[in-house]
Amino acid sequence: MAPLLEIEGLSKAYLTGGRRLEVLHGVSLTIEAGEMVALTGPSGAGKSTFLHLVGALDVPTAGRVVFEGRDLAALDDGERARFRNDSVGFVFQSHHLLPEFTALENAMMPGLVRRLPRPEARRRAEESLARVGLSGRLSHRPGELSGGEQQRVALARALVLQPRLLLADEPTGNLDPQTAEGIHELLQQLNRELGITGVVVTHNEKLAESLGRRVRLLAGRLA
């Protein structure tokens, strides 16, 4: 079977203030379906840029990202948007929940973007929230939830369409150690139960060690 992700010679540069800033330099990496990969390295190493390219939020300057045999750079804007919504779940350090909506409504968003019938989007969101232990908090707005509960809502939202790939950027960065430990355990549980493939950017050594594989970026290159 082909790998889920084949990343070949991935480079990214930006023009800023008339200067060319090289962020990634020829990164190559293969990720198999079902793997959980910790991506570590100092601030400014290119970790978030790497996630954005793998998740088709941005396009590389050189190299390519191949997902299940499809070169993401060959997709047009509409195809990339559909790929992001259907195949990738994103979780960030800041949960980016909509404060005026309930946990259930926030989790329903990807289904509504896909134009699922509202009852189907609701059913999937309820199942996803139950999976992360929040079936009793459906009607609570983000301001009524703890930091850990808000991050669990963000995870439920990311998983509501059962994507093949989860990309998490410092998912425990704003949490206290005890709450972060709960998110660690939840990520591993979701991997076991759903077989989801994940790339997790983290400075948390305990989380990095708990995942199946660890990759380190230094100055835009794999160490």
N, C-alpha and C. Protein backbone atom coordinates (compact mmCIF):
# COMPACT_ATOMS: atom_id res chain seq x y z
N MET A 1 0.84 -1.20 0.00
CA MET A 1 0.00 0.00 0.00
C MET A 1 0.87 1.25 0.00
N ALA A 2 0.43 2.29 -0.72
CA ALA A 2 1.16 3.54 -0.74
C ALA A 2 1.00 4.24 0.61
N PRO A 3 2.00 5.01 1.03
CA PRO A 3 1.87 5.78 2.27
C PRO A 3 0.72 6.77 2.18
N LEU A 4 0.19 7.17 3.33
CA LEU A 4 -0.85 8.20 3.33
C LEU A 4 -0.27 9.52 2.82
N LEU A 5 0.93 9.86 3.31
CA LEU A 5 1.57 11.13 2.95
C LEU A 5 2.99 10.89 2.46
N GLU A 6 3.31 11.47 1.31
CA GLU A 6 4.68 11.48 0.82
C GLU A 6 5.09 12.94 0.61
N ILE A 7 6.03 13.39 1.40
CA ILE A 7 6.48 14.78 1.36
C ILE A 7 7.88 14.77 0.77
N GLU A 8 8.05 15.43 -0.37
CA GLU A 8 9.28 15.31 -1.14
C GLU A 8 9.89 16.68 -1.41
N GLY A 9 11.08 16.91 -0.86
CA GLY A 9 11.84 18.13 -1.14
C GLY A 9 11.09 19.41 -0.85
N LEU A 10 10.33 19.42 0.23
CA LEU A 10 9.43 20.53 0.52
C LEU A 10 10.20 21.77 0.96
N SER A 11 10.01 22.87 0.23
CA SER A 11 10.65 24.14 0.56
C SER A 11 9.60 25.25 0.53
N LYS A 12 9.82 26.25 1.38
CA LYS A 12 8.92 27.41 1.40
C LYS A 12 9.72 28.66 1.70
N ALA A 13 9.51 29.69 0.87
CA ALA A 13 10.16 30.98 1.06
C ALA A 13 9.10 32.08 0.95
N TYR A 14 9.30 33.16 1.70
CA TYR A 14 8.42 34.31 1.65
C TYR A 14 9.25 35.56 1.31
N LEU A 15 8.61 36.49 0.63
CA LEU A 15 9.23 37.79 0.41
C LEU A 15 8.71 38.75 1.47
N THR A 16 9.61 39.31 2.26
CA THR A 16 9.21 40.23 3.32
C THR A 16 10.19 41.38 3.37
N GLY A 17 9.67 42.58 3.24
CA GLY A 17 10.52 43.77 3.25
C GLY A 17 11.55 43.77 2.14
N GLY A 18 11.17 43.18 1.00
CA GLY A 18 12.10 43.12 -0.12
C GLY A 18 13.16 42.05 0.00
N ARG A 19 13.09 41.25 1.05
CA ARG A 19 14.06 40.17 1.26
C ARG A 19 13.36 38.82 1.14
N ARG A 20 14.09 37.82 0.72
CA ARG A 20 13.58 36.46 0.62
C ARG A 20 13.90 35.71 1.92
N LEU A 21 12.86 35.24 2.57
CA LEU A 21 13.03 34.51 3.83
C LEU A 21 12.76 33.03 3.58
N GLU A 22 13.79 32.21 3.72
CA GLU A 22 13.66 30.77 3.53
C GLU A 22 13.23 30.13 4.86
N VAL A 23 12.08 29.47 4.84
CA VAL A 23 11.55 28.88 6.07
C VAL A 23 11.77 27.37 6.10
N LEU A 24 11.52 26.69 5.00
CA LEU A 24 11.75 25.25 4.90
C LEU A 24 12.71 24.97 3.75
N HIS A 25 13.58 23.98 3.95
CA HIS A 25 14.62 23.69 2.97
C HIS A 25 14.62 22.20 2.63
N GLY A 26 13.92 21.79 1.59
CA GLY A 26 14.03 20.44 1.08
C GLY A 26 13.66 19.34 2.05
N VAL A 27 12.57 19.51 2.76
CA VAL A 27 12.14 18.52 3.75
C VAL A 27 11.47 17.35 3.04
N SER A 28 11.92 16.14 3.33
CA SER A 28 11.31 14.92 2.78
C SER A 28 10.93 13.99 3.93
N LEU A 29 9.73 13.44 3.86
CA LEU A 29 9.22 12.63 4.97
C LEU A 29 8.07 11.77 4.43
N THR A 30 8.02 10.53 4.87
CA THR A 30 6.91 9.64 4.53
C THR A 30 6.15 9.29 5.81
N ILE A 31 4.84 9.39 5.77
CA ILE A 31 4.00 9.09 6.92
C ILE A 31 2.97 8.04 6.51
N GLU A 32 2.97 6.93 7.21
CA GLU A 32 2.05 5.84 6.92
C GLU A 32 0.69 6.08 7.57
N ALA A 33 -0.33 5.49 7.00
CA ALA A 33 -1.67 5.57 7.59
C ALA A 33 -1.64 4.99 9.00
N GLY A 34 -2.24 5.69 9.94
CA GLY A 34 -2.32 5.23 11.32
C GLY A 34 -1.16 5.67 12.20
N GLU A 35 -0.15 6.32 11.62
CA GLU A 35 0.97 6.81 12.43
C GLU A 35 0.58 8.06 13.20
N MET A 36 1.17 8.22 14.38
CA MET A 36 1.09 9.47 15.13
C MET A 36 2.51 10.01 15.24
N VAL A 37 2.73 11.18 14.66
CA VAL A 37 4.07 11.75 14.55
C VAL A 37 4.14 13.04 15.36
N ALA A 38 5.12 13.12 16.25
CA ALA A 38 5.38 14.36 16.98
C ALA A 38 6.42 15.16 16.20
N LEU A 39 6.10 16.41 15.92
CA LEU A 39 7.02 17.31 15.21
C LEU A 39 7.54 18.33 16.22
N THR A 40 8.83 18.26 16.52
CA THR A 40 9.41 19.11 17.55
C THR A 40 10.49 20.01 16.94
N GLY A 41 10.98 20.92 17.75
CA GLY A 41 12.02 21.84 17.32
C GLY A 41 11.79 23.20 17.94
N PRO A 42 12.80 24.07 17.92
CA PRO A 42 12.67 25.38 18.54
C PRO A 42 11.70 26.28 17.78
N SER A 43 11.28 27.36 18.42
CA SER A 43 10.43 28.34 17.75
C SER A 43 11.17 28.90 16.53
N GLY A 44 10.42 29.06 15.45
CA GLY A 44 11.03 29.57 14.23
C GLY A 44 11.66 28.52 13.35
N ALA A 45 11.53 27.24 13.72
CA ALA A 45 12.16 26.17 12.94
C ALA A 45 11.38 25.82 11.68
N GLY A 46 10.13 26.29 11.58
CA GLY A 46 9.32 25.99 10.39
C GLY A 46 8.22 24.98 10.63
N LYS A 47 7.93 24.65 11.89
CA LYS A 47 6.96 23.60 12.20
C LYS A 47 5.55 23.97 11.74
N SER A 48 5.12 25.17 12.06
CA SER A 48 3.76 25.59 11.67
C SER A 48 3.65 25.71 10.15
N THR A 49 4.70 26.23 9.52
CA THR A 49 4.71 26.32 8.05
C THR A 49 4.57 24.93 7.44
N PHE A 50 5.26 23.96 8.01
CA PHE A 50 5.17 22.58 7.54
C PHE A 50 3.72 22.09 7.61
N LEU A 51 3.05 22.32 8.74
CA LEU A 51 1.66 21.89 8.88
C LEU A 51 0.77 22.58 7.85
N HIS A 52 0.99 23.87 7.63
CA HIS A 52 0.15 24.60 6.68
C HIS A 52 0.29 24.04 5.27
N LEU A 53 1.50 23.64 4.90
CA LEU A 53 1.71 23.06 3.57
C LEU A 53 1.10 21.68 3.46
N VAL A 54 1.27 20.86 4.50
CA VAL A 54 0.71 19.50 4.48
C VAL A 54 -0.81 19.55 4.46
N GLY A 55 -1.39 20.54 5.14
CA GLY A 55 -2.84 20.66 5.20
C GLY A 55 -3.44 21.50 4.08
N ALA A 56 -2.63 21.88 3.10
CA ALA A 56 -3.09 22.64 1.92
C ALA A 56 -3.65 24.00 2.30
N LEU A 57 -3.17 24.56 3.42
CA LEU A 57 -3.49 25.95 3.74
C LEU A 57 -2.58 26.90 2.98
N ASP A 58 -1.47 26.39 2.47
CA ASP A 58 -0.51 27.16 1.70
C ASP A 58 0.10 26.23 0.66
N VAL A 59 0.81 26.79 -0.29
CA VAL A 59 1.45 25.98 -1.34
C VAL A 59 2.96 26.15 -1.23
N PRO A 60 3.72 25.10 -1.53
CA PRO A 60 5.18 25.19 -1.39
C PRO A 60 5.82 26.00 -2.50
N THR A 61 7.01 26.51 -2.19
CA THR A 61 7.83 27.16 -3.21
C THR A 61 8.45 26.10 -4.12
N ALA A 62 8.82 24.97 -3.53
CA ALA A 62 9.38 23.85 -4.29
C ALA A 62 9.02 22.57 -3.56
N GLY A 63 9.13 21.44 -4.27
CA GLY A 63 8.78 20.16 -3.67
C GLY A 63 7.28 19.92 -3.75
N ARG A 64 6.85 18.82 -3.15
CA ARG A 64 5.43 18.50 -3.22
C ARG A 64 4.97 17.70 -2.03
N VAL A 65 3.66 17.78 -1.79
CA VAL A 65 2.97 16.97 -0.78
C VAL A 65 1.99 16.08 -1.53
N VAL A 66 2.15 14.77 -1.38
CA VAL A 66 1.29 13.81 -2.06
C VAL A 66 0.46 13.09 -1.00
N PHE A 67 -0.85 13.22 -1.09
CA PHE A 67 -1.78 12.61 -0.14
C PHE A 67 -2.58 11.55 -0.87
N GLU A 68 -2.40 10.29 -0.45
CA GLU A 68 -3.08 9.17 -1.09
C GLU A 68 -2.93 9.23 -2.62
N GLY A 69 -1.71 9.54 -3.05
CA GLY A 69 -1.42 9.55 -4.47
C GLY A 69 -1.75 10.83 -5.20
N ARG A 70 -2.34 11.82 -4.52
CA ARG A 70 -2.70 13.09 -5.15
C ARG A 70 -1.70 14.16 -4.76
N ASP A 71 -1.14 14.84 -5.76
CA ASP A 71 -0.24 15.96 -5.51
C ASP A 71 -1.10 17.18 -5.18
N LEU A 72 -1.00 17.68 -3.95
CA LEU A 72 -1.87 18.77 -3.52
C LEU A 72 -1.62 20.04 -4.32
N ALA A 73 -0.40 20.24 -4.81
CA ALA A 73 -0.10 21.44 -5.58
C ALA A 73 -0.84 21.46 -6.91
N ALA A 74 -1.30 20.30 -7.38
CA ALA A 74 -2.01 20.22 -8.65
C ALA A 74 -3.50 20.57 -8.51
N LEU A 75 -3.96 20.74 -7.27
CA LEU A 75 -5.37 21.06 -7.05
C LEU A 75 -5.60 22.56 -7.23
N ASP A 76 -6.77 22.92 -7.74
CA ASP A 76 -7.12 24.34 -7.80
C ASP A 76 -7.67 24.77 -6.43
N ASP A 77 -7.99 26.05 -6.30
CA ASP A 77 -8.40 26.58 -4.99
C ASP A 77 -9.63 25.86 -4.44
N GLY A 78 -10.60 25.60 -5.29
CA GLY A 78 -11.81 24.92 -4.84
C GLY A 78 -11.53 23.49 -4.40
N GLU A 79 -10.68 22.80 -5.15
CA GLU A 79 -10.32 21.42 -4.80
C GLU A 79 -9.53 21.38 -3.49
N ARG A 80 -8.64 22.36 -3.30
CA ARG A 80 -7.90 22.40 -2.03
C ARG A 80 -8.83 22.64 -0.86
N ALA A 81 -9.82 23.51 -1.05
CA ALA A 81 -10.78 23.78 0.03
C ALA A 81 -11.57 22.51 0.37
N ARG A 82 -11.98 21.77 -0.66
CA ARG A 82 -12.71 20.52 -0.40
C ARG A 82 -11.81 19.50 0.28
N PHE A 83 -10.55 19.44 -0.15
CA PHE A 83 -9.60 18.53 0.49
C PHE A 83 -9.46 18.86 1.98
N ARG A 84 -9.30 20.14 2.30
CA ARG A 84 -9.14 20.53 3.70
C ARG A 84 -10.38 20.15 4.52
N ASN A 85 -11.55 20.38 3.96
CA ASN A 85 -12.76 20.13 4.72
C ASN A 85 -13.04 18.64 4.87
N ASP A 86 -12.74 17.86 3.83
CA ASP A 86 -13.11 16.44 3.82
C ASP A 86 -12.05 15.53 4.42
N SER A 87 -10.77 15.87 4.24
CA SER A 87 -9.70 14.91 4.55
C SER A 87 -8.82 15.28 5.72
N VAL A 88 -8.90 16.54 6.19
CA VAL A 88 -7.99 17.02 7.23
C VAL A 88 -8.77 17.65 8.36
N GLY A 89 -8.37 17.31 9.59
CA GLY A 89 -8.89 18.00 10.77
C GLY A 89 -7.78 18.84 11.38
N PHE A 90 -8.07 20.09 11.67
CA PHE A 90 -7.07 21.01 12.21
C PHE A 90 -7.40 21.34 13.67
N VAL A 91 -6.36 21.31 14.51
CA VAL A 91 -6.48 21.75 15.90
C VAL A 91 -5.29 22.67 16.18
N PHE A 92 -5.59 23.85 16.74
CA PHE A 92 -4.53 24.83 16.99
C PHE A 92 -4.40 25.10 18.48
N GLN A 93 -3.32 25.80 18.85
CA GLN A 93 -3.09 26.15 20.25
C GLN A 93 -4.27 26.96 20.79
N SER A 94 -4.71 27.95 20.02
CA SER A 94 -5.93 28.68 20.34
C SER A 94 -7.07 27.94 19.63
N HIS A 95 -8.09 27.61 20.38
CA HIS A 95 -9.11 26.68 19.87
C HIS A 95 -9.95 27.27 18.74
N HIS A 96 -10.03 28.61 18.62
CA HIS A 96 -10.78 29.26 17.54
C HIS A 96 -12.25 28.83 17.51
N LEU A 97 -12.84 28.67 18.68
CA LEU A 97 -14.28 28.42 18.73
C LEU A 97 -15.03 29.73 18.57
N LEU A 98 -16.22 29.66 18.00
CA LEU A 98 -17.05 30.85 17.85
C LEU A 98 -17.78 31.10 19.16
N PRO A 99 -17.51 32.22 19.84
CA PRO A 99 -17.98 32.41 21.21
C PRO A 99 -19.49 32.49 21.35
N GLU A 100 -20.20 32.90 20.28
CA GLU A 100 -21.65 33.05 20.38
C GLU A 100 -22.39 31.74 20.14
N PHE A 101 -21.66 30.69 19.75
CA PHE A 101 -22.28 29.40 19.44
C PHE A 101 -21.99 28.40 20.55
N THR A 102 -22.88 27.42 20.70
CA THR A 102 -22.69 26.37 21.69
C THR A 102 -21.62 25.38 21.22
N ALA A 103 -21.23 24.50 22.15
CA ALA A 103 -20.28 23.44 21.77
C ALA A 103 -20.82 22.63 20.61
N LEU A 104 -22.10 22.29 20.65
CA LEU A 104 -22.70 21.50 19.57
C LEU A 104 -22.66 22.26 18.25
N GLU A 105 -23.02 23.53 18.28
CA GLU A 105 -23.03 24.33 17.05
C GLU A 105 -21.62 24.49 16.48
N ASN A 106 -20.63 24.68 17.36
CA ASN A 106 -19.25 24.77 16.89
C ASN A 106 -18.81 23.48 16.22
N ALA A 107 -19.16 22.36 16.83
CA ALA A 107 -18.76 21.06 16.28
C ALA A 107 -19.48 20.74 14.97
N MET A 108 -20.65 21.33 14.77
CA MET A 108 -21.41 21.08 13.54
C MET A 108 -20.83 21.80 12.32
N MET A 109 -19.99 22.81 12.55
CA MET A 109 -19.57 23.70 11.46
C MET A 109 -19.01 22.97 10.23
N PRO A 110 -18.06 22.02 10.38
CA PRO A 110 -17.55 21.35 9.17
C PRO A 110 -18.64 20.63 8.38
N GLY A 111 -19.60 20.04 9.07
CA GLY A 111 -20.70 19.37 8.38
C GLY A 111 -21.57 20.34 7.62
N LEU A 112 -21.80 21.52 8.20
CA LEU A 112 -22.61 22.53 7.51
C LEU A 112 -21.85 23.10 6.32
N VAL A 113 -20.53 23.27 6.45
CA VAL A 113 -19.72 23.73 5.33
C VAL A 113 -19.80 22.72 4.18
N ARG A 114 -19.82 21.45 4.52
CA ARG A 114 -19.95 20.41 3.49
C ARG A 114 -21.37 20.33 2.94
N ARG A 115 -22.29 21.06 3.55
CA ARG A 115 -23.70 21.11 3.15
C ARG A 115 -24.42 19.80 3.44
N LEU A 116 -24.03 19.17 4.54
CA LEU A 116 -24.81 18.04 5.02
C LEU A 116 -26.16 18.55 5.49
N PRO A 117 -27.20 17.74 5.41
CA PRO A 117 -28.47 18.13 6.03
C PRO A 117 -28.25 18.42 7.52
N ARG A 118 -28.93 19.43 8.01
CA ARG A 118 -28.68 19.86 9.39
C ARG A 118 -28.84 18.72 10.41
N PRO A 119 -29.87 17.86 10.29
CA PRO A 119 -29.97 16.75 11.25
C PRO A 119 -28.76 15.81 11.21
N GLU A 120 -28.20 15.58 10.00
CA GLU A 120 -27.02 14.73 9.88
C GLU A 120 -25.80 15.40 10.49
N ALA A 121 -25.64 16.70 10.25
CA ALA A 121 -24.52 17.44 10.85
C ALA A 121 -24.63 17.42 12.37
N ARG A 122 -25.85 17.55 12.88
CA ARG A 122 -26.06 17.52 14.32
C ARG A 122 -25.72 16.14 14.90
N ARG A 123 -26.18 15.08 14.21
CA ARG A 123 -25.90 13.73 14.69
C ARG A 123 -24.41 13.47 14.77
N ARG A 124 -23.69 13.85 13.72
CA ARG A 124 -22.25 13.62 13.71
C ARG A 124 -21.56 14.43 14.81
N ALA A 125 -22.00 15.68 15.01
CA ALA A 125 -21.39 16.51 16.05
C ALA A 125 -21.65 15.94 17.43
N GLU A 126 -22.85 15.45 17.67
CA GLU A 126 -23.16 14.84 18.97
C GLU A 126 -22.28 13.62 19.21
N GLU A 127 -22.10 12.79 18.19
CA GLU A 127 -21.25 11.61 18.33
C GLU A 127 -19.80 12.00 18.60
N SER A 128 -19.33 13.02 17.90
CA SER A 128 -17.95 13.45 18.05
C SER A 128 -17.71 14.04 19.44
N LEU A 129 -18.66 14.84 19.93
CA LEU A 129 -18.53 15.41 21.27
C LEU A 129 -18.61 14.32 22.34
N ALA A 130 -19.44 13.31 22.12
CA ALA A 130 -19.50 12.20 23.07
C ALA A 130 -18.18 11.46 23.10
N ARG A 131 -17.53 11.33 21.94
CA ARG A 131 -16.25 10.61 21.85
C ARG A 131 -15.17 11.31 22.67
N VAL A 132 -15.24 12.63 22.80
CA VAL A 132 -14.23 13.36 23.58
C VAL A 132 -14.72 13.67 24.99
N GLY A 133 -15.83 13.01 25.39
CA GLY A 133 -16.29 13.13 26.77
C GLY A 133 -17.10 14.36 27.09
N LEU A 134 -17.79 14.94 26.10
CA LEU A 134 -18.52 16.19 26.34
C LEU A 134 -20.00 16.07 26.02
N SER A 135 -20.56 14.87 26.11
CA SER A 135 -21.97 14.72 25.77
C SER A 135 -22.88 15.49 26.72
N GLY A 136 -22.37 15.83 27.90
CA GLY A 136 -23.16 16.60 28.86
C GLY A 136 -22.98 18.10 28.75
N ARG A 137 -22.22 18.56 27.75
CA ARG A 137 -21.92 20.00 27.65
C ARG A 137 -22.32 20.57 26.29
N LEU A 138 -23.25 19.93 25.61
CA LEU A 138 -23.60 20.32 24.24
C LEU A 138 -24.10 21.75 24.14
N SER A 139 -24.86 22.20 25.13
CA SER A 139 -25.50 23.52 25.04
C SER A 139 -24.66 24.63 25.66
N HIS A 140 -23.46 24.31 26.12
CA HIS A 140 -22.60 25.31 26.75
C HIS A 140 -21.82 26.08 25.68
N ARG A 141 -21.71 27.38 25.87
CA ARG A 141 -20.88 28.21 25.00
C ARG A 141 -19.44 28.16 25.50
N PRO A 142 -18.47 28.53 24.63
CA PRO A 142 -17.06 28.44 25.03
C PRO A 142 -16.74 29.13 26.34
N GLY A 143 -17.35 30.29 26.60
CA GLY A 143 -17.08 31.01 27.83
C GLY A 143 -17.54 30.28 29.08
N GLU A 144 -18.37 29.26 28.91
CA GLU A 144 -18.87 28.46 30.04
C GLU A 144 -18.10 27.16 30.20
N LEU A 145 -17.05 26.98 29.41
CA LEU A 145 -16.26 25.76 29.44
C LEU A 145 -14.84 26.06 29.93
N SER A 146 -14.21 25.07 30.53
CA SER A 146 -12.81 25.20 30.93
C SER A 146 -11.92 25.17 29.69
N GLY A 147 -10.63 25.51 29.88
CA GLY A 147 -9.70 25.47 28.76
C GLY A 147 -9.59 24.10 28.15
N GLY A 148 -9.53 23.07 29.00
CA GLY A 148 -9.46 21.70 28.49
C GLY A 148 -10.71 21.30 27.74
N GLU A 149 -11.88 21.72 28.24
CA GLU A 149 -13.13 21.40 27.55
C GLU A 149 -13.21 22.12 26.21
N GLN A 150 -12.74 23.36 26.15
CA GLN A 150 -12.74 24.08 24.87
C GLN A 150 -11.85 23.37 23.85
N GLN A 151 -10.70 22.87 24.31
CA GLN A 151 -9.83 22.17 23.37
C GLN A 151 -10.46 20.85 22.92
N ARG A 152 -11.23 20.21 23.81
CA ARG A 152 -11.93 18.99 23.42
C ARG A 152 -13.02 19.29 22.38
N VAL A 153 -13.68 20.43 22.52
CA VAL A 153 -14.65 20.83 21.49
C VAL A 153 -13.93 21.03 20.15
N ALA A 154 -12.75 21.67 20.20
CA ALA A 154 -11.97 21.87 18.97
C ALA A 154 -11.58 20.53 18.35
N LEU A 155 -11.24 19.56 19.19
CA LEU A 155 -10.92 18.22 18.68
C LEU A 155 -12.15 17.57 18.06
N ALA A 156 -13.29 17.69 18.75
CA ALA A 156 -14.53 17.11 18.22
C ALA A 156 -14.87 17.73 16.88
N ARG A 157 -14.71 19.04 16.77
CA ARG A 157 -14.98 19.72 15.49
C ARG A 157 -14.04 19.20 14.40
N ALA A 158 -12.77 19.02 14.75
CA ALA A 158 -11.78 18.55 13.77
C ALA A 158 -12.10 17.14 13.28
N LEU A 159 -12.74 16.34 14.12
CA LEU A 159 -12.97 14.94 13.80
C LEU A 159 -14.38 14.63 13.31
N VAL A 160 -15.23 15.66 13.22
CA VAL A 160 -16.65 15.41 12.98
C VAL A 160 -16.90 14.77 11.62
N LEU A 161 -16.06 15.04 10.63
CA LEU A 161 -16.23 14.43 9.31
C LEU A 161 -15.34 13.21 9.12
N GLN A 162 -14.76 12.73 10.22
CA GLN A 162 -13.88 11.55 10.22
C GLN A 162 -12.77 11.68 9.17
N PRO A 163 -11.95 12.73 9.29
CA PRO A 163 -10.87 12.93 8.32
C PRO A 163 -9.81 11.85 8.45
N ARG A 164 -9.03 11.67 7.38
CA ARG A 164 -7.94 10.70 7.42
C ARG A 164 -6.74 11.24 8.18
N LEU A 165 -6.62 12.57 8.26
CA LEU A 165 -5.41 13.18 8.80
C LEU A 165 -5.79 14.26 9.81
N LEU A 166 -5.15 14.22 10.98
CA LEU A 166 -5.31 15.25 12.01
C LEU A 166 -4.00 16.02 12.12
N LEU A 167 -4.07 17.34 11.99
CA LEU A 167 -2.91 18.21 12.13
C LEU A 167 -3.14 19.10 13.35
N ALA A 168 -2.27 18.97 14.34
CA ALA A 168 -2.44 19.70 15.60
C ALA A 168 -1.21 20.55 15.87
N ASP A 169 -1.41 21.84 16.06
CA ASP A 169 -0.32 22.79 16.29
C ASP A 169 -0.35 23.24 17.74
N GLU A 170 0.54 22.68 18.56
CA GLU A 170 0.63 22.99 19.99
C GLU A 170 -0.74 22.86 20.67
N PRO A 171 -1.39 21.70 20.57
CA PRO A 171 -2.75 21.57 21.11
C PRO A 171 -2.84 21.69 22.63
N THR A 172 -1.70 21.56 23.33
CA THR A 172 -1.73 21.68 24.80
C THR A 172 -0.95 22.90 25.27
N GLY A 173 -0.57 23.78 24.35
CA GLY A 173 0.31 24.89 24.70
C GLY A 173 -0.28 25.86 25.70
N ASN A 174 -1.61 26.02 25.72
CA ASN A 174 -2.25 26.97 26.63
C ASN A 174 -2.87 26.30 27.86
N LEU A 175 -2.55 25.02 28.07
CA LEU A 175 -3.21 24.27 29.14
C LEU A 175 -2.26 23.98 30.29
N ASP A 176 -2.83 23.84 31.49
CA ASP A 176 -2.01 23.45 32.63
C ASP A 176 -1.61 21.98 32.48
N PRO A 177 -0.57 21.54 33.21
CA PRO A 177 -0.04 20.18 32.99
C PRO A 177 -1.08 19.07 33.14
N GLN A 178 -1.95 19.18 34.14
CA GLN A 178 -2.93 18.12 34.35
C GLN A 178 -3.93 18.06 33.19
N THR A 179 -4.40 19.23 32.75
CA THR A 179 -5.34 19.26 31.62
C THR A 179 -4.65 18.79 30.35
N ALA A 180 -3.38 19.20 30.16
CA ALA A 180 -2.63 18.77 28.98
C ALA A 180 -2.50 17.25 28.95
N GLU A 181 -2.29 16.63 30.10
CA GLU A 181 -2.18 15.18 30.16
C GLU A 181 -3.46 14.51 29.66
N GLY A 182 -4.61 15.10 29.99
CA GLY A 182 -5.87 14.56 29.50
C GLY A 182 -5.98 14.63 27.99
N ILE A 183 -5.48 15.71 27.40
CA ILE A 183 -5.50 15.83 25.94
C ILE A 183 -4.54 14.83 25.31
N HIS A 184 -3.36 14.61 25.95
CA HIS A 184 -2.43 13.59 25.46
C HIS A 184 -3.12 12.24 25.36
N GLU A 185 -3.77 11.85 26.45
CA GLU A 185 -4.43 10.55 26.49
C GLU A 185 -5.54 10.46 25.45
N LEU A 186 -6.25 11.58 25.27
CA LEU A 186 -7.34 11.58 24.30
C LEU A 186 -6.82 11.41 22.88
N LEU A 187 -5.72 12.07 22.54
CA LEU A 187 -5.15 11.92 21.20
C LEU A 187 -4.76 10.46 20.93
N GLN A 188 -4.17 9.82 21.92
CA GLN A 188 -3.78 8.42 21.74
C GLN A 188 -4.99 7.50 21.64
N GLN A 189 -6.01 7.80 22.43
CA GLN A 189 -7.25 7.01 22.37
C GLN A 189 -7.90 7.12 21.00
N LEU A 190 -7.95 8.34 20.46
CA LEU A 190 -8.55 8.55 19.14
C LEU A 190 -7.77 7.82 18.06
N ASN A 191 -6.44 7.79 18.21
CA ASN A 191 -5.61 7.06 17.26
C ASN A 191 -5.92 5.57 17.32
N ARG A 192 -6.06 5.03 18.54
CA ARG A 192 -6.34 3.60 18.69
C ARG A 192 -7.73 3.25 18.17
N GLU A 193 -8.72 4.06 18.50
CA GLU A 193 -10.10 3.71 18.20
C GLU A 193 -10.49 4.02 16.77
N LEU A 194 -9.96 5.11 16.21
CA LEU A 194 -10.37 5.54 14.88
C LEU A 194 -9.32 5.27 13.82
N GLY A 195 -8.10 4.90 14.25
CA GLY A 195 -7.02 4.68 13.30
C GLY A 195 -6.56 5.94 12.60
N ILE A 196 -6.85 7.09 13.21
CA ILE A 196 -6.53 8.36 12.56
C ILE A 196 -5.02 8.57 12.53
N THR A 197 -4.55 9.18 11.45
CA THR A 197 -3.15 9.56 11.31
C THR A 197 -2.99 10.98 11.82
N GLY A 198 -1.94 11.24 12.59
CA GLY A 198 -1.78 12.56 13.17
C GLY A 198 -0.37 13.09 13.09
N VAL A 199 -0.24 14.39 12.85
CA VAL A 199 1.02 15.10 12.99
C VAL A 199 0.79 16.19 14.03
N VAL A 200 1.54 16.12 15.13
CA VAL A 200 1.32 16.99 16.27
C VAL A 200 2.57 17.82 16.52
N VAL A 201 2.47 19.12 16.31
CA VAL A 201 3.56 20.04 16.66
C VAL A 201 3.49 20.29 18.15
N THR A 202 4.61 20.11 18.84
CA THR A 202 4.59 20.30 20.29
C THR A 202 5.97 20.62 20.84
N HIS A 203 5.98 21.42 21.91
CA HIS A 203 7.17 21.62 22.73
C HIS A 203 7.10 20.75 23.99
N ASN A 204 5.98 20.04 24.14
CA ASN A 204 5.76 19.24 25.34
C ASN A 204 6.49 17.91 25.18
N GLU A 205 7.55 17.74 25.96
CA GLU A 205 8.38 16.53 25.83
C GLU A 205 7.59 15.26 26.15
N LYS A 206 6.71 15.34 27.13
CA LYS A 206 5.95 14.15 27.52
C LYS A 206 5.02 13.72 26.39
N LEU A 207 4.38 14.70 25.75
CA LEU A 207 3.50 14.37 24.63
C LEU A 207 4.31 13.80 23.48
N ALA A 208 5.45 14.42 23.17
CA ALA A 208 6.29 13.95 22.06
C ALA A 208 6.73 12.51 22.27
N GLU A 209 7.13 12.19 23.51
CA GLU A 209 7.60 10.84 23.81
C GLU A 209 6.47 9.81 23.76
N SER A 210 5.23 10.27 23.99
CA SER A 210 4.11 9.32 24.05
C SER A 210 3.60 8.92 22.66
N LEU A 211 3.95 9.69 21.63
CA LEU A 211 3.49 9.39 20.29
C LEU A 211 4.41 8.37 19.64
N GLY A 212 3.95 7.77 18.56
CA GLY A 212 4.67 6.64 18.01
C GLY A 212 5.98 6.99 17.35
N ARG A 213 6.15 8.23 16.92
CA ARG A 213 7.34 8.62 16.16
C ARG A 213 7.62 10.09 16.41
N ARG A 214 8.88 10.43 16.42
CA ARG A 214 9.27 11.82 16.69
C ARG A 214 10.18 12.32 15.58
N VAL A 215 9.87 13.50 15.05
CA VAL A 215 10.65 14.14 13.99
C VAL A 215 11.01 15.54 14.46
N ARG A 216 12.25 15.95 14.22
CA ARG A 216 12.71 17.25 14.72
C ARG A 216 13.12 18.16 13.55
N LEU A 217 12.63 19.39 13.58
CA LEU A 217 13.02 20.40 12.60
C LEU A 217 13.97 21.39 13.25
N LEU A 218 15.04 21.70 12.56
CA LEU A 218 16.00 22.72 12.98
C LEU A 218 16.28 23.61 11.81
N ALA A 219 15.98 24.91 11.96
CA ALA A 219 16.25 25.91 10.91
C ALA A 219 15.70 25.45 9.55
N GLY A 220 14.49 24.88 9.58
CA GLY A 220 13.83 24.51 8.34
C GLY A 220 14.27 23.22 7.71
N ARG A 221 15.11 22.46 8.41
CA ARG A 221 15.58 21.16 7.89
C ARG A 221 15.32 20.08 8.91
N LEU A 222 15.11 18.85 8.42
CA LEU A 222 14.96 17.72 9.33
C LEU A 222 16.30 17.43 9.99
N ALA A 223 16.26 17.33 11.30
CA ALA A 223 17.50 17.02 12.05
C ALA A 223 17.69 15.51 12.09
